[in-house]
Amino acid sequence: MFKVGDKVVCVNDKNYTTSKFRPKYGDVYIISAKHSHFDAVFLEGVNNHIGGYWSWRFKKYYDNFADEVLKNITEQIKEEVLILN
């Protein structure tokens, strides 16, 4: 799902047994390592649990999301104008 070096955003910070080192909802992190047998990741700059954090608690973060959306909308408008002409 994720690769080492990917930026991710925390989308679920509920039900952690310890609150001292848990990722926080909405914060962006970088994947520093992956657990080899479980669907877990380790995060740069976070004192990770022994087995890392479940990857389902994160979504990939896109820095240029707005730019990509604007580009797609512009391309769709150009296509529609060409079809109408």
Protein backbone atom coordinates (compact mmCIF):
# COMPACT_ATOMS: atom_id res chain seq x y z
CA MET A 1 0.00 0.00 0.00
CA PHE A 2 2.61 2.55 1.08
CA LYS A 3 6.30 2.78 0.23
CA VAL A 4 9.14 4.03 2.41
CA GLY A 5 9.37 7.78 1.83
CA ASP A 6 5.64 8.28 1.10
CA LYS A 7 3.89 11.18 2.79
CA VAL A 8 0.76 10.12 4.66
CA VAL A 9 -1.91 11.91 6.67
CA CYS A 10 -3.43 10.41 9.81
CA VAL A 11 -7.16 9.80 9.30
CA ASN A 12 -7.85 7.77 12.44
CA ASP A 13 -6.28 8.41 15.85
CA LYS A 14 -8.99 6.72 17.96
CA ASN A 15 -8.52 3.99 20.56
CA TYR A 16 -4.78 4.13 21.10
CA THR A 17 -3.78 2.63 24.44
CA THR A 18 -1.13 5.30 24.91
CA SER A 19 -1.55 8.91 23.90
CA LYS A 20 2.09 9.93 24.41
CA PHE A 21 3.46 8.73 21.06
CA ARG A 22 0.40 8.35 18.89
CA PRO A 23 -0.04 10.04 15.53
CA LYS A 24 -2.60 12.84 15.58
CA TYR A 25 -5.56 13.18 13.23
CA GLY A 26 -4.75 15.48 10.29
CA ASP A 27 -0.99 15.50 10.86
CA VAL A 28 1.28 14.57 7.96
CA TYR A 29 4.07 12.01 8.40
CA ILE A 30 6.68 10.28 6.27
CA ILE A 31 6.90 6.48 6.18
CA SER A 32 10.34 5.47 7.46
CA ALA A 33 9.85 1.68 7.35
CA LYS A 34 7.24 -1.03 6.94
CA HIS A 35 6.65 -4.11 9.07
CA SER A 36 7.51 -7.18 7.02
CA HIS A 37 4.61 -9.43 8.16
CA PHE A 38 1.86 -7.05 9.22
CA ASP A 39 0.09 -4.15 7.53
CA ALA A 40 1.97 -1.69 9.74
CA VAL A 41 4.22 1.30 9.12
CA PHE A 42 6.83 3.24 11.04
CA LEU A 43 6.88 7.03 10.91
CA GLU A 44 9.80 9.48 10.78
CA GLY A 45 10.11 11.60 13.89
CA VAL A 46 7.62 9.53 15.91
CA ASN A 47 8.62 7.16 18.69
CA ASN A 48 6.87 4.16 17.15
CA HIS A 49 5.17 1.30 18.91
CA ILE A 50 7.17 -1.92 18.81
CA GLY A 51 5.27 -3.12 15.74
CA GLY A 52 4.61 0.27 14.16
CA TYR A 53 1.18 1.72 13.42
CA TRP A 54 -1.60 0.08 11.43
CA SER A 55 -1.49 1.46 7.91
CA TRP A 56 -5.31 1.72 7.71
CA ARG A 57 -5.00 4.71 10.05
CA PHE A 58 -3.38 6.69 7.20
CA LYS A 59 -4.11 7.87 3.67
CA LYS A 60 -1.56 8.95 1.11
CA TYR A 61 -0.96 12.70 1.26
CA TYR A 62 -0.79 14.70 -1.96
CA ASP A 63 1.06 18.04 -1.71
CA ASN A 64 -0.21 19.24 -5.05
CA PHE A 65 -3.77 17.92 -4.83
CA ALA A 66 -5.33 21.29 -5.74
CA ASP A 67 -3.03 21.66 -8.74
CA GLU A 68 -3.98 18.20 -10.00
CA VAL A 69 -7.72 18.90 -9.60
CA LEU A 70 -7.42 22.25 -11.40
CA LYS A 71 -5.45 20.63 -14.23
CA ASN A 72 -8.12 17.90 -14.65
CA ILE A 73 -10.95 20.45 -14.67
CA THR A 74 -9.14 22.60 -17.23
CA GLU A 75 -8.58 19.58 -19.49
CA GLN A 76 -12.26 18.59 -19.22
CA ILE A 77 -13.38 22.11 -20.14
CA LYS A 78 -11.04 22.16 -23.16
CA GLU A 79 -12.41 18.79 -24.31
CA GLU A 80 -16.02 19.98 -23.95
CA VAL A 81 -15.27 23.19 -25.89
CA LEU A 82 -13.72 21.14 -28.71
CA ILE A 83 -16.74 18.83 -28.82
CA LEU A 84 -19.19 21.76 -28.91
CA ASN A 85 -17.29 23.56 -31.71
